[in-house]
């Protein structure tokens, strides 16, 4: 089951009942927008104990349409790479 933004907001508002839900939503939007802006600039984002996001450039290449077999020029593009922290890895694998 994936976590969606609305469920995350609900969990945060349940955990912190003294904060208004609209304030928690603003806070979450600020964090997510800063992560997006930083990745767009080509910098990396590190959340200690959770992981690191960084962008990689995928080179332009000639690919093939699997349906028709036609060759297509695929342009260069940025992709996001995530590397989890050791703490998160150990938690997921019960190595605590």
Protein backbone atom coordinates (compact mmCIF):
# COMPACT_ATOMS: atom_id res chain seq x y z
CA UNK A 1 0.00 0.00 0.00
CA UNK A 2 1.41 3.36 -1.01
CA UNK A 3 1.06 6.42 1.14
CA UNK A 4 -0.59 9.39 -0.52
CA UNK A 5 -0.33 13.01 0.53
CA UNK A 6 -3.83 13.09 2.03
CA UNK A 7 -3.09 10.08 4.26
CA UNK A 8 0.21 11.62 5.34
CA UNK A 9 -1.63 14.85 6.25
CA UNK A 10 -4.19 12.84 8.24
CA UNK A 11 -1.47 10.98 10.16
CA UNK A 12 0.38 14.21 10.92
CA UNK A 13 -2.79 15.98 12.07
CA UNK A 14 -3.65 12.98 14.29
CA UNK A 15 -0.13 12.96 15.75
CA UNK A 16 -0.08 16.73 16.32
CA UNK A 17 -3.64 17.74 17.28
CA UNK A 18 -2.50 21.15 18.57
CA UNK A 19 -1.58 22.26 15.00
CA UNK A 20 -4.23 23.31 12.53
CA UNK A 21 -4.64 20.99 9.56
CA UNK A 22 -4.15 23.88 7.10
CA UNK A 23 -0.83 24.76 8.80
CA UNK A 24 0.37 21.16 8.55
CA UNK A 25 -0.62 21.13 4.87
CA UNK A 26 1.31 24.38 4.22
CA UNK A 27 4.35 22.95 6.01
CA UNK A 28 4.22 19.72 3.99
CA UNK A 29 3.78 21.66 0.72
CA UNK A 30 6.81 23.83 1.55
CA UNK A 31 8.97 20.75 2.21
CA UNK A 32 7.87 18.96 -0.97
CA UNK A 33 8.29 22.10 -3.10
CA UNK A 34 11.81 22.67 -1.73
CA UNK A 35 12.73 19.07 -2.56
CA UNK A 36 11.39 19.54 -6.12
CA UNK A 37 13.21 22.87 -6.60
CA UNK A 38 16.49 21.46 -5.32
CA UNK A 39 16.31 18.43 -7.62
CA UNK A 40 15.38 20.68 -10.56
CA UNK A 41 18.56 22.71 -9.91
CA UNK A 42 20.55 19.47 -10.10
CA UNK A 43 21.47 19.41 -6.42
CA UNK A 44 20.97 16.47 -4.08
CA UNK A 45 18.54 16.25 -1.16
CA UNK A 46 19.58 14.40 1.98
CA UNK A 47 17.26 13.51 4.85
CA UNK A 48 19.45 11.97 7.53
CA UNK A 49 18.27 8.54 8.60
CA UNK A 50 15.98 8.27 5.56
CA UNK A 51 17.91 8.66 2.33
CA UNK A 52 19.33 10.76 -0.48
CA UNK A 53 17.66 11.88 -3.71
CA UNK A 54 19.80 12.98 -6.61
CA UNK A 55 19.35 13.50 -10.33
CA UNK A 56 21.15 11.59 -13.04
CA UNK A 57 21.24 12.46 -16.72
CA UNK A 58 20.16 9.69 -19.06
CA UNK A 59 21.99 10.13 -22.36
CA UNK A 60 20.17 10.56 -25.65
CA UNK A 61 19.89 7.29 -27.53
CA UNK A 62 18.18 5.49 -30.35
CA UNK A 63 15.43 3.28 -28.99
CA UNK A 64 12.82 1.07 -30.60
CA UNK A 65 9.03 1.19 -30.51
CA UNK A 66 8.15 -2.36 -29.36
CA UNK A 67 4.78 -2.28 -31.11
CA UNK A 68 6.01 -1.32 -34.60
CA UNK A 69 9.73 -2.00 -34.39
CA UNK A 70 10.39 1.56 -35.64
CA UNK A 71 13.60 3.22 -34.43
CA UNK A 72 13.06 6.44 -32.45
CA UNK A 73 15.51 9.10 -31.27
CA UNK A 74 15.04 9.42 -27.50
CA UNK A 75 16.30 12.77 -26.15
CA UNK A 76 18.49 13.28 -23.09
CA UNK A 77 16.52 13.47 -19.85
CA UNK A 78 16.94 13.74 -16.09
CA UNK A 79 15.97 10.87 -13.81
CA UNK A 80 15.73 10.74 -10.02
CA UNK A 81 17.91 8.33 -8.07
CA UNK A 82 17.16 7.39 -4.44
CA UNK A 83 19.59 5.76 -2.06
CA UNK A 84 18.24 4.78 1.31
CA UNK A 85 20.14 5.42 4.52
CA UNK A 86 21.59 2.54 6.52
CA UNK A 87 19.16 3.25 9.37
CA UNK A 88 16.17 2.84 7.06
CA UNK A 89 17.72 -0.27 5.47
CA UNK A 90 18.21 -1.84 8.90
CA UNK A 91 14.66 -0.97 9.96
CA UNK A 92 13.20 -2.49 6.79
CA UNK A 93 15.27 -5.65 7.21
CA UNK A 94 14.81 -5.95 11.00
CA UNK A 95 18.55 -5.63 11.68
CA UNK A 96 18.11 -3.34 14.69
